[in-house]
Amino acid sequence: MNKSELLAGKDLLKPKVKPFFEEMTNTFSYVVQDPNSNSCAIIDSVMNFDPASGHVSHESADEIARYIEEKKLSVEWIIETHVHADHLTAAPYLKDIVGGKIAIGEHVITVQETFTKIFNYKSEFQPDGSQFDHLFKNEEVYQIGGLSGIALHTPGHTPACMTHVIGDAAFVGDTIFMPDAGTARADFPGGDSAQLYHSARKILRLPPRTRIFMCHDYGTESREELEYKTTVKEEMENNIHVNERIKESEFVAMRDKRDKTLGMPRLILPSLQVNMRAGHFPDPEDNDVIYLKLPVDLLR
């Protein structure tokens, strides 16, 4: 299927989508399966990390691996929608267990260049995207068995954000949230609220029946129960930040004002150092211990 047919929603297959929830970071990960085969992809996996002790564990990833093994699925892709700032990815851990190619958008290089400077990395890290098995280009079409997917560049939250439209399902990362929660922030280095508005509009031009799957949900003052799925139609009609009635200037003013009130995510510094390496930690030092950097008074 070509990209025009995919974006128009012509005769799309409906993938099987299994959600997994990691409570500490309010992250939804997904296994997306071709309905006519055992081929699948993993989207936005989580490695469990305790920032107080530096302890790493893999309960969340093991839950995904058990599901894949029980269903006898074949993993073709391990996809990151962007370089997450609120959780560490378990992509390489899962690759070792269940296989698949680790992939992210090609603009990860921009993110790597930015944070190579912030963390003062020198020759020990090359910001060229080579840490990943595959870099998706905008509107690149790919396959999960007989199921077609297309990667759409949707920057604003970060420069490297991509929305993956797989059959009738769109995995939007941190671009937009449930209708009563609005949109993601746009104030991280390289973020841009105007870009985020246009990226949201790109998503909302998909067919109205397209299912949208969240990477995060935090509930709202009036909704305690967490949700992970909506539709383009519901977002276009009811999203409090980017519904069809809201203009770009209104959105930018709202988003910029709101972002100034937000603190940094609790795991932003360890997450970025690991996630821009495709989930790998820096090499151990001469005492065989791995260290992550903590720049003081740099991100506010």
C-alpha atoms as a PDB file:
ATOM      1  CA  MET A   1       0.000   0.000   0.000  1.00  0.00           C
ATOM      2  CA  ASN A   2       1.390   3.438  -0.910  1.00  0.00           C
ATOM      3  CA  LYS A   3       1.529   6.495   1.347  1.00  0.00           C
ATOM      4  CA  SER A   4      -1.476   8.215  -0.243  1.00  0.00           C
ATOM      5  CA  GLU A   5      -3.678   5.186   0.360  1.00  0.00           C
ATOM      6  CA  LEU A   6      -2.428   4.901   3.938  1.00  0.00           C
ATOM      7  CA  LEU A   7      -3.119   8.551   4.751  1.00  0.00           C
ATOM      8  CA  ALA A   8      -6.538   8.391   3.098  1.00  0.00           C
ATOM      9  CA  GLY A   9      -7.504   5.320   5.103  1.00  0.00           C
ATOM     10  CA  LYS A  10      -8.341   3.205   2.056  1.00  0.00           C
ATOM     11  CA  ASP A  11      -9.183  -0.417   2.932  1.00  0.00           C
ATOM     12  CA  LEU A  12      -6.887  -0.371   5.964  1.00  0.00           C
ATOM     13  CA  LEU A  13      -6.298  -3.447   8.059  1.00  0.00           C
ATOM     14  CA  LYS A  14      -7.149  -3.157  11.743  1.00  0.00           C
ATOM     15  CA  PRO A  15      -4.095  -4.232  13.746  1.00  0.00           C
ATOM     16  CA  LYS A  16      -4.393  -6.014  17.062  1.00  0.00           C
ATOM     17  CA  VAL A  17      -3.164  -3.574  19.707  1.00  0.00           C
ATOM     18  CA  LYS A  18      -2.183  -4.764  23.183  1.00  0.00           C
ATOM     19  CA  PRO A  19      -1.448  -1.965  25.709  1.00  0.00           C
ATOM     20  CA  PHE A  20       0.927  -2.214  28.656  1.00  0.00           C
ATOM     21  CA  PHE A  21       1.003   0.362  31.442  1.00  0.00           C
ATOM     22  CA  GLU A  22       3.985   1.427  33.567  1.00  0.00           C
ATOM     23  CA  GLU A  23       2.619   3.167  36.637  1.00  0.00           C
ATOM     24  CA  MET A  24       5.633   5.136  37.867  1.00  0.00           C
ATOM     25  CA  THR A  25       5.931   7.139  34.641  1.00  0.00           C
ATOM     26  CA  ASN A  26       2.301   6.823  33.460  1.00  0.00           C
ATOM     27  CA  THR A  27       3.565   5.357  30.194  1.00  0.00           C
ATOM     28  CA  PHE A  28       1.607   3.174  27.791  1.00  0.00           C
ATOM     29  CA  SER A  29       3.630   0.785  25.642  1.00  0.00           C
ATOM     30  CA  TYR A  30       2.100  -1.264  22.846  1.00  0.00           C
ATOM     31  CA  VAL A  31       2.483  -4.485  20.923  1.00  0.00           C
ATOM     32  CA  VAL A  32       0.958  -3.949  17.472  1.00  0.00           C
ATOM     33  CA  GLN A  33       0.214  -7.136  15.526  1.00  0.00           C
ATOM     34  CA  ASP A  34      -0.632  -7.825  11.911  1.00  0.00           C
ATOM     35  CA  PRO A  35      -4.136  -9.369  12.137  1.00  0.00           C
ATOM     36  CA  ASN A  36      -3.264 -11.932   9.482  1.00  0.00           C
ATOM     37  CA  SER A  37       0.096 -13.180  10.798  1.00  0.00           C
ATOM     38  CA  ASN A  38       2.252 -13.387  13.911  1.00  0.00           C
ATOM     39  CA  SER A  39       4.341 -10.343  12.902  1.00  0.00           C
ATOM     40  CA  CYS A  40       4.350  -7.443  15.340  1.00  0.00           C
ATOM     41  CA  ALA A  41       6.063  -4.262  16.494  1.00  0.00           C
ATOM     42  CA  ILE A  42       6.743  -2.929  19.985  1.00  0.00           C
ATOM     43  CA  ILE A  43       6.167   0.797  20.525  1.00  0.00           C
ATOM     44  CA  ASP A  44       7.600   2.944  23.363  1.00  0.00           C
ATOM     45  CA  SER A  45       8.809   0.312  25.811  1.00  0.00           C
ATOM     46  CA  VAL A  46       9.887   1.178  29.375  1.00  0.00           C
ATOM     47  CA  MET A  47      12.910   0.197  31.457  1.00  0.00           C
ATOM     48  CA  ASN A  48      12.235   0.496  35.178  1.00  0.00           C
ATOM     49  CA  PHE A  49      14.659   2.919  36.830  1.00  0.00           C
ATOM     50  CA  ASP A  50      14.929   4.220  40.386  1.00  0.00           C
ATOM     51  CA  PRO A  51      16.601   7.659  40.270  1.00  0.00           C
ATOM     52  CA  ALA A  52      17.314   7.660  44.004  1.00  0.00           C
ATOM     53  CA  SER A  53      19.444   4.501  43.907  1.00  0.00           C
ATOM     54  CA  GLY A  54      20.264   4.242  40.213  1.00  0.00           C
ATOM     55  CA  HIS A  55      18.798   0.723  40.250  1.00  0.00           C
ATOM     56  CA  VAL A  56      17.655  -0.722  36.916  1.00  0.00           C
ATOM     57  CA  SER A  57      15.084  -3.495  36.535  1.00  0.00           C
ATOM     58  CA  HIS A  58      12.946  -4.883  33.731  1.00  0.00           C
ATOM     59  CA  GLU A  59       9.538  -5.861  35.094  1.00  0.00           C
ATOM     60  CA  SER A  60       7.692  -3.807  32.468  1.00  0.00           C
ATOM     61  CA  ALA A  61       9.750  -5.132  29.558  1.00  0.00           C
ATOM     62  CA  ASP A  62       9.473  -8.693  30.847  1.00  0.00           C
ATOM     63  CA  GLU A  63       5.677  -8.376  30.788  1.00  0.00           C
ATOM     64  CA  ILE A  64       5.883  -7.460  27.093  1.00  0.00           C
ATOM     65  CA  ALA A  65       8.346 -10.276  26.380  1.00  0.00           C
ATOM     66  CA  ARG A  66       6.105 -12.842  28.099  1.00  0.00           C
ATOM     67  CA  TYR A  67       3.123 -11.716  26.028  1.00  0.00           C
ATOM     68  CA  ILE A  68       5.128 -12.021  22.800  1.00  0.00           C
ATOM     69  CA  GLU A  69       6.388 -15.470  23.728  1.00  0.00           C
ATOM     70  CA  GLU A  70       2.946 -16.692  24.850  1.00  0.00           C
ATOM     71  CA  LYS A  71       1.346 -15.515  21.600  1.00  0.00           C
ATOM     72  CA  LYS A  72       4.291 -16.823  19.561  1.00  0.00           C
ATOM     73  CA  LEU A  73       4.735 -13.456  17.876  1.00  0.00           C
ATOM     74  CA  SER A  74       7.620 -12.417  15.650  1.00  0.00           C
ATOM     75  CA  VAL A  75       8.969  -8.939  16.427  1.00  0.00           C
ATOM     76  CA  GLU A  76      10.008  -6.954  13.360  1.00  0.00           C
ATOM     77  CA  TRP A  77      10.345  -3.468  14.869  1.00  0.00           C
ATOM     78  CA  ILE A  78      11.012  -1.895  18.266  1.00  0.00           C
ATOM     79  CA  ILE A  79       9.872   1.683  17.642  1.00  0.00           C
ATOM     80  CA  GLU A  80      10.527   4.842  19.642  1.00  0.00           C
ATOM     81  CA  THR A  81       8.133   7.665  18.807  1.00  0.00           C
ATOM     82  CA  HIS A  82      10.769  10.143  20.067  1.00  0.00           C
ATOM     83  CA  VAL A  83      13.617  10.574  22.553  1.00  0.00           C
ATOM     84  CA  HIS A  84      11.547  10.357  25.717  1.00  0.00           C
ATOM     85  CA  ALA A  85      12.282  12.694  28.617  1.00  0.00           C
ATOM     86  CA  ASP A  86      10.132  10.957  31.231  1.00  0.00           C
ATOM     87  CA  HIS A  87      11.155   7.307  31.068  1.00  0.00           C
ATOM     88  CA  LEU A  88      14.046   5.134  29.929  1.00  0.00           C
ATOM     89  CA  THR A  89      13.476   2.820  26.988  1.00  0.00           C
ATOM     90  CA  ALA A  90      13.915  -0.940  27.265  1.00  0.00           C
ATOM     91  CA  ALA A  91      14.539  -1.317  23.515  1.00  0.00           C
ATOM     92  CA  PRO A  92      17.955  -3.068  23.612  1.00  0.00           C
ATOM     93  CA  TYR A  93      16.864  -5.364  26.443  1.00  0.00           C
ATOM     94  CA  LEU A  94      13.824  -6.459  24.446  1.00  0.00           C
ATOM     95  CA  LYS A  95      15.854  -6.801  21.252  1.00  0.00           C
ATOM     96  CA  ASP A  96      18.139  -9.287  23.005  1.00  0.00           C
ATOM     97  CA  ILE A  97      15.138 -11.355  24.140  1.00  0.00           C
ATOM     98  CA  VAL A  98      12.608 -11.184  21.297  1.00  0.00           C
ATOM     99  CA  GLY A  99      14.483  -9.616  18.362  1.00  0.00           C
ATOM    100  CA  GLY A 100      13.461  -6.741  16.107  1.00  0.00           C
ATOM    101  CA  LYS A 101      15.113  -3.598  14.757  1.00  0.00           C
ATOM    102  CA  ILE A 102      15.314  -0.542  17.017  1.00  0.00           C
ATOM    103  CA  ALA A 103      14.019   2.454  15.065  1.00  0.00           C
ATOM    104  CA  ILE A 104      13.361   6.165  15.563  1.00  0.00           C
ATOM    105  CA  GLY A 105      12.884   9.224  13.349  1.00  0.00           C
ATOM    106  CA  GLU A 106      15.883  10.555  11.443  1.00  0.00           C
ATOM    107  CA  HIS A 107      15.733  13.887  13.291  1.00  0.00           C
ATOM    108  CA  VAL A 108      17.070  12.114  16.363  1.00  0.00           C
ATOM    109  CA  ILE A 109      20.388  13.474  15.128  1.00  0.00           C
ATOM    110  CA  THR A 110      19.203  17.011  15.962  1.00  0.00           C
ATOM    111  CA  VAL A 111      18.306  15.886  19.484  1.00  0.00           C
ATOM    112  CA  GLN A 112      21.642  14.116  19.852  1.00  0.00           C
ATOM    113  CA  GLU A 113      23.554  17.208  18.736  1.00  0.00           C
ATOM    114  CA  THR A 114      21.686  19.374  21.254  1.00  0.00           C
ATOM    115  CA  PHE A 115      22.229  17.082  24.223  1.00  0.00           C
ATOM    116  CA  THR A 116      25.788  16.173  23.296  1.00  0.00           C
ATOM    117  CA  LYS A 117      26.535  19.833  24.037  1.00  0.00           C
ATOM    118  CA  ILE A 118      24.383  19.937  27.174  1.00  0.00           C
ATOM    119  CA  PHE A 119      26.088  16.866  28.637  1.00  0.00           C
ATOM    120  CA  ASN A 120      29.489  17.941  27.312  1.00  0.00           C
ATOM    121  CA  TYR A 121      30.110  14.648  25.546  1.00  0.00           C
ATOM    122  CA  LYS A 122      33.155  14.657  23.340  1.00  0.00           C
ATOM    123  CA  SER A 123      34.640  11.753  21.386  1.00  0.00           C
ATOM    124  CA  GLU A 124      32.809   9.146  23.510  1.00  0.00           C
ATOM    125  CA  PHE A 125      29.500   9.805  21.710  1.00  0.00           C
ATOM    126  CA  GLN A 126      28.799  10.405  18.038  1.00  0.00           C
ATOM    127  CA  PRO A 127      25.558  12.311  17.300  1.00  0.00           C
ATOM    128  CA  ASP A 128      24.886  10.580  13.990  1.00  0.00           C
ATOM    129  CA  GLY A 129      21.974   8.235  14.730  1.00  0.00           C
ATOM    130  CA  SER A 130      24.179   5.168  14.318  1.00  0.00           C
ATOM    131  CA  GLN A 131      23.111   3.864  17.722  1.00  0.00           C
ATOM    132  CA  PHE A 132      19.770   2.861  16.174  1.00  0.00           C
ATOM    133  CA  ASP A 133      19.175   0.070  13.656  1.00  0.00           C
ATOM    134  CA  HIS A 134      16.956   2.235  11.463  1.00  0.00           C
ATOM    135  CA  LEU A 135      16.089   5.927  11.108  1.00  0.00           C
ATOM    136  CA  PHE A 136      12.639   6.574   9.661  1.00  0.00           C
ATOM    137  CA  LYS A 137      12.250   9.343   7.109  1.00  0.00           C
ATOM    138  CA  ASN A 138       9.110  11.448   6.934  1.00  0.00           C
ATOM    139  CA  GLU A 139       6.304   9.556   5.148  1.00  0.00           C
ATOM    140  CA  GLU A 140       8.382   6.394   4.954  1.00  0.00           C
ATOM    141  CA  VAL A 141       6.194   3.327   4.440  1.00  0.00           C
ATOM    142  CA  TYR A 142       7.194   0.102   6.171  1.00  0.00           C
ATOM    143  CA  GLN A 143       5.733  -3.332   6.819  1.00  0.00           C
ATOM    144  CA  ILE A 144       4.826  -5.422   9.837  1.00  0.00           C
ATOM    145  CA  GLY A 145       4.120  -8.678   8.054  1.00  0.00           C
ATOM    146  CA  GLY A 146       1.284  -7.793   5.662  1.00  0.00           C
ATOM    147  CA  LEU A 147       0.371  -4.702   7.685  1.00  0.00           C
ATOM    148  CA  SER A 148       1.485  -1.344   6.305  1.00  0.00           C
ATOM    149  CA  GLY A 149       2.691   1.532   8.469  1.00  0.00           C
ATOM    150  CA  ILE A 150       3.790   5.071   7.679  1.00  0.00           C
ATOM    151  CA  ALA A 151       6.031   7.305   9.797  1.00  0.00           C
ATOM    152  CA  LEU A 152       4.983  10.970   9.935  1.00  0.00           C
ATOM    153  CA  HIS A 153       7.312  13.673  11.250  1.00  0.00           C
ATOM    154  CA  THR A 154       5.320  15.535  13.925  1.00  0.00           C
ATOM    155  CA  PRO A 155       7.796  17.834  15.727  1.00  0.00           C
ATOM    156  CA  GLY A 156       7.077  20.418  18.385  1.00  0.00           C
ATOM    157  CA  HIS A 157       7.360  18.466  21.613  1.00  0.00           C
ATOM    158  CA  THR A 158      10.830  17.477  20.375  1.00  0.00           C
ATOM    159  CA  PRO A 159      12.454  17.858  16.937  1.00  0.00           C
ATOM    160  CA  ALA A 160      12.448  14.091  16.394  1.00  0.00           C
ATOM    161  CA  CYS A 161       8.826  13.208  17.225  1.00  0.00           C
ATOM    162  CA  MET A 162       7.078  10.890  14.802  1.00  0.00           C
ATOM    163  CA  THR A 163       3.531   9.609  14.641  1.00  0.00           C
ATOM    164  CA  HIS A 164       3.245   6.051  13.374  1.00  0.00           C
ATOM    165  CA  VAL A 165       0.075   5.298  11.446  1.00  0.00           C
ATOM    166  CA  ILE A 166      -0.231   1.509  11.291  1.00  0.00           C
ATOM    167  CA  GLY A 167      -3.359   0.299   9.553  1.00  0.00           C
ATOM    168  CA  ASP A 168      -6.247   2.216  11.138  1.00  0.00           C
ATOM    169  CA  ALA A 169      -4.248   3.054  14.289  1.00  0.00           C
ATOM    170  CA  ALA A 170      -2.031   6.087  15.009  1.00  0.00           C
ATOM    171  CA  PHE A 171       0.583   6.068  17.766  1.00  0.00           C
ATOM    172  CA  VAL A 172       1.187   9.723  18.556  1.00  0.00           C
ATOM    173  CA  GLY A 173       3.864   9.645  21.260  1.00  0.00           C
ATOM    174  CA  ASP A 174       3.694  12.870  23.296  1.00  0.00           C
ATOM    175  CA  THR A 175       2.238  15.076  20.570  1.00  0.00           C
ATOM    176  CA  ILE A 176      -1.413  15.093  21.652  1.00  0.00           C
ATOM    177  CA  PHE A 177      -3.190  13.634  24.660  1.00  0.00           C
ATOM    178  CA  MET A 178      -6.746  12.580  25.419  1.00  0.00           C
ATOM    179  CA  PRO A 179      -9.267  15.281  24.404  1.00  0.00           C
ATOM    180  CA  ASP A 180      -9.735  16.514  27.982  1.00  0.00           C
ATOM    181  CA  ALA A 181      -5.958  16.741  28.520  1.00  0.00           C
ATOM    182  CA  GLY A 182      -4.943  18.595  25.348  1.00  0.00           C
ATOM    183  CA  THR A 183      -1.365  18.468  24.128  1.00  0.00           C
ATOM    184  CA  ALA A 184       2.193  17.864  25.291  1.00  0.00           C
ATOM    185  CA  ARG A 185       4.552  20.600  26.371  1.00  0.00           C
ATOM    186  CA  ALA A 186       6.804  22.313  23.823  1.00  0.00           C
ATOM    187  CA  ASP A 187       9.492  23.923  25.991  1.00  0.00           C
ATOM    188  CA  PHE A 188      12.225  21.268  25.978  1.00  0.00           C
ATOM    189  CA  PRO A 189      15.407  22.189  24.049  1.00  0.00           C
ATOM    190  CA  GLY A 190      14.423  22.106  20.369  1.00  0.00           C
ATOM    191  CA  GLY A 191      10.688  22.202  21.119  1.00  0.00           C
ATOM    192  CA  ASP A 192       8.380  24.695  19.431  1.00  0.00           C
ATOM    193  CA  SER A 193       4.708  25.399  20.140  1.00  0.00           C
ATOM    194  CA  ALA A 194       3.893  26.540  16.594  1.00  0.00           C
ATOM    195  CA  GLN A 195       5.399  23.339  15.211  1.00  0.00           C
ATOM    196  CA  LEU A 196       3.378  21.356  17.739  1.00  0.00           C
ATOM    197  CA  TYR A 197       0.163  23.002  16.530  1.00  0.00           C
ATOM    198  CA  HIS A 198       0.875  22.078  12.915  1.00  0.00           C
ATOM    199  CA  SER A 199       1.871  18.544  13.916  1.00  0.00           C
ATOM    200  CA  ALA A 200      -1.433  18.142  15.759  1.00  0.00           C
ATOM    201  CA  ARG A 201      -3.247  19.376  12.659  1.00  0.00           C
ATOM    202  CA  LYS A 202      -1.373  16.803  10.562  1.00  0.00           C
ATOM    203  CA  ILE A 203      -2.611  14.055  12.868  1.00  0.00           C
ATOM    204  CA  LEU A 204      -6.161  15.401  12.832  1.00  0.00           C
ATOM    205  CA  ARG A 205      -6.225  15.332   9.014  1.00  0.00           C
ATOM    206  CA  LEU A 206      -6.159  11.531   9.188  1.00  0.00           C
ATOM    207  CA  PRO A 207      -9.519   9.787   8.547  1.00  0.00           C
ATOM    208  CA  PRO A 208     -11.984  10.557  11.389  1.00  0.00           C
ATOM    209  CA  ARG A 209     -12.325   6.890  12.374  1.00  0.00           C
ATOM    210  CA  THR A 210      -8.559   6.490  12.902  1.00  0.00           C
ATOM    211  CA  ARG A 211      -7.840   5.146  16.368  1.00  0.00           C
ATOM    212  CA  ILE A 212      -5.315   7.253  18.323  1.00  0.00           C
ATOM    213  CA  PHE A 213      -3.182   5.615  21.001  1.00  0.00           C
ATOM    214  CA  MET A 214      -1.559   7.701  23.740  1.00  0.00           C
ATOM    215  CA  CYS A 215       1.940   7.327  25.136  1.00  0.00           C
ATOM    216  CA  HIS A 216       0.814   8.918  28.426  1.00  0.00           C
ATOM    217  CA  ASP A 217      -2.300   9.794  30.358  1.00  0.00           C
ATOM    218  CA  TYR A 218      -2.433  11.432  33.769  1.00  0.00           C
ATOM    219  CA  GLY A 219      -6.166  11.834  34.197  1.00  0.00           C
ATOM    220  CA  THR A 220      -7.738  15.234  34.869  1.00  0.00           C
ATOM    221  CA  GLU A 221      -9.481  16.964  37.753  1.00  0.00           C
ATOM    222  CA  SER A 222     -12.783  15.518  36.542  1.00  0.00           C
ATOM    223  CA  ARG A 223     -11.469  12.124  35.325  1.00  0.00           C
ATOM    224  CA  GLU A 224      -9.479   9.864  37.632  1.00  0.00           C
ATOM    225  CA  GLU A 225      -9.560   6.753  35.450  1.00  0.00           C
ATOM    226  CA  LEU A 226      -6.682   6.634  32.986  1.00  0.00           C
ATOM    227  CA  GLU A 227      -7.377   6.200  29.275  1.00  0.00           C
ATOM    228  CA  TYR A 228      -5.133   5.338  26.349  1.00  0.00           C
ATOM    229  CA  LYS A 229      -7.319   5.389  23.220  1.00  0.00           C
ATOM    230  CA  THR A 230      -9.463   7.877  21.324  1.00  0.00           C
ATOM    231  CA  THR A 231     -10.186   8.754  17.674  1.00  0.00           C
ATOM    232  CA  VAL A 232      -9.358  11.552  15.273  1.00  0.00           C
ATOM    233  CA  LYS A 233     -13.044  12.534  15.257  1.00  0.00           C
ATOM    234  CA  GLU A 234     -13.133  12.831  19.062  1.00  0.00           C
ATOM    235  CA  GLU A 235      -9.918  14.846  19.127  1.00  0.00           C
ATOM    236  CA  MET A 236     -11.017  17.200  16.366  1.00  0.00           C
ATOM    237  CA  GLU A 237     -14.321  17.900  18.082  1.00  0.00           C
ATOM    238  CA  ASN A 238     -13.261  17.991  21.728  1.00  0.00           C
ATOM    239  CA  ASN A 239      -9.506  18.389  22.289  1.00  0.00           C
ATOM    240  CA  ILE A 240      -9.245  21.339  24.660  1.00  0.00           C
ATOM    241  CA  HIS A 241      -6.064  22.641  22.996  1.00  0.00           C
ATOM    242  CA  VAL A 242      -6.315  21.809  19.290  1.00  0.00           C
ATOM    243  CA  ASN A 243      -9.942  21.217  18.351  1.00  0.00           C
ATOM    244  CA  GLU A 244     -11.181  22.480  14.998  1.00  0.00           C
ATOM    245  CA  ARG A 245     -12.182  25.864  16.457  1.00  0.00           C
ATOM    246  CA  ILE A 246      -8.788  26.842  17.894  1.00  0.00           C
ATOM    247  CA  LYS A 247      -6.425  28.994  15.814  1.00  0.00           C
ATOM    248  CA  GLU A 248      -2.648  28.719  15.799  1.00  0.00           C
ATOM    249  CA  SER A 249      -2.117  32.065  17.584  1.00  0.00           C
ATOM    250  CA  GLU A 250      -4.466  31.046  20.390  1.00  0.00           C
ATOM    251  CA  PHE A 251      -2.730  27.718  20.801  1.00  0.00           C
ATOM    252  CA  VAL A 252       0.798  29.177  20.824  1.00  0.00           C
ATOM    253  CA  ALA A 253      -0.130  31.797  23.441  1.00  0.00           C
ATOM    254  CA  MET A 254      -1.786  29.157  25.644  1.00  0.00           C
ATOM    255  CA  ARG A 255       0.970  26.562  25.251  1.00  0.00           C
ATOM    256  CA  ASP A 256       3.837  28.982  25.914  1.00  0.00           C
ATOM    257  CA  LYS A 257       2.120  30.436  28.980  1.00  0.00           C
ATOM    258  CA  ARG A 258       1.305  27.007  30.377  1.00  0.00           C
ATOM    259  CA  ASP A 259       4.787  25.619  29.764  1.00  0.00           C
ATOM    260  CA  LYS A 260       6.339  28.372  31.882  1.00  0.00           C
ATOM    261  CA  THR A 261       4.508  26.930  34.900  1.00  0.00           C
ATOM    262  CA  LEU A 262       5.770  23.352  34.436  1.00  0.00           C
ATOM    263  CA  GLY A 263       8.723  21.799  36.209  1.00  0.00           C
ATOM    264  CA  MET A 264      11.138  19.395  34.518  1.00  0.00           C
ATOM    265  CA  PRO A 265      10.148  15.710  34.442  1.00  0.00           C
ATOM    266  CA  ARG A 266      11.692  13.712  37.280  1.00  0.00           C
ATOM    267  CA  LEU A 267      13.637  11.420  34.946  1.00  0.00           C
ATOM    268  CA  ILE A 268      14.612  13.887  32.219  1.00  0.00           C
ATOM    269  CA  LEU A 269      18.385  13.808  32.805  1.00  0.00           C
ATOM    270  CA  PRO A 270      18.872  10.027  32.963  1.00  0.00           C
ATOM    271  CA  SER A 271      16.241   9.458  30.270  1.00  0.00           C
ATOM    272  CA  LEU A 272      17.840  11.688  27.672  1.00  0.00           C
ATOM    273  CA  GLN A 273      21.336  10.302  28.207  1.00  0.00           C
ATOM    274  CA  VAL A 274      20.092   6.732  27.727  1.00  0.00           C
ATOM    275  CA  ASN A 275      17.348   7.216  25.147  1.00  0.00           C
ATOM    276  CA  MET A 276      19.481   9.170  22.686  1.00  0.00           C
ATOM    277  CA  ARG A 277      21.792   6.122  22.757  1.00  0.00           C
ATOM    278  CA  ALA A 278      18.886   3.850  21.702  1.00  0.00           C
ATOM    279  CA  GLY A 279      18.517   2.631  25.291  1.00  0.00           C
ATOM    280  CA  HIS A 280      22.163   1.909  26.018  1.00  0.00           C
ATOM    281  CA  PHE A 281      23.980   3.335  29.025  1.00  0.00           C
ATOM    282  CA  PRO A 282      27.376   5.019  28.620  1.00  0.00           C
ATOM    283  CA  ASP A 283      30.374   2.704  28.821  1.00  0.00           C
ATOM    284  CA  PRO A 284      31.582   1.772  32.320  1.00  0.00           C
ATOM    285  CA  GLU A 285      34.502   3.775  33.674  1.00  0.00           C
ATOM    286  CA  ASP A 286      37.801   2.233  34.807  1.00  0.00           C
ATOM    287  CA  ASN A 287      36.178   0.941  38.020  1.00  0.00           C
ATOM    288  CA  ASP A 288      33.582  -0.980  35.955  1.00  0.00           C
ATOM    289  CA  VAL A 289      30.785   1.314  37.152  1.00  0.00           C
ATOM    290  CA  ILE A 290      28.402   3.136  34.790  1.00  0.00           C
ATOM    291  CA  TYR A 291      27.768   6.807  35.524  1.00  0.00           C
ATOM    292  CA  LEU A 292      25.190   9.302  34.292  1.00  0.00           C
ATOM    293  CA  LYS A 293      25.816  13.045  34.323  1.00  0.00           C
ATOM    294  CA  LEU A 294      23.804  15.560  36.332  1.00  0.00           C
ATOM    295  CA  PRO A 295      24.332  19.073  34.938  1.00  0.00           C
ATOM    296  CA  VAL A 296      23.684  21.613  37.677  1.00  0.00           C
ATOM    297  CA  ASP A 297      21.296  24.531  37.122  1.00  0.00           C
ATOM    298  CA  LEU A 298      21.213  24.073  33.344  1.00  0.00           C
ATOM    299  CA  LEU A 299      17.670  22.916  32.567  1.00  0.00           C
ATOM    300  CA  ARG A 300      14.900  24.960  34.208  1.00  0.00           C
END
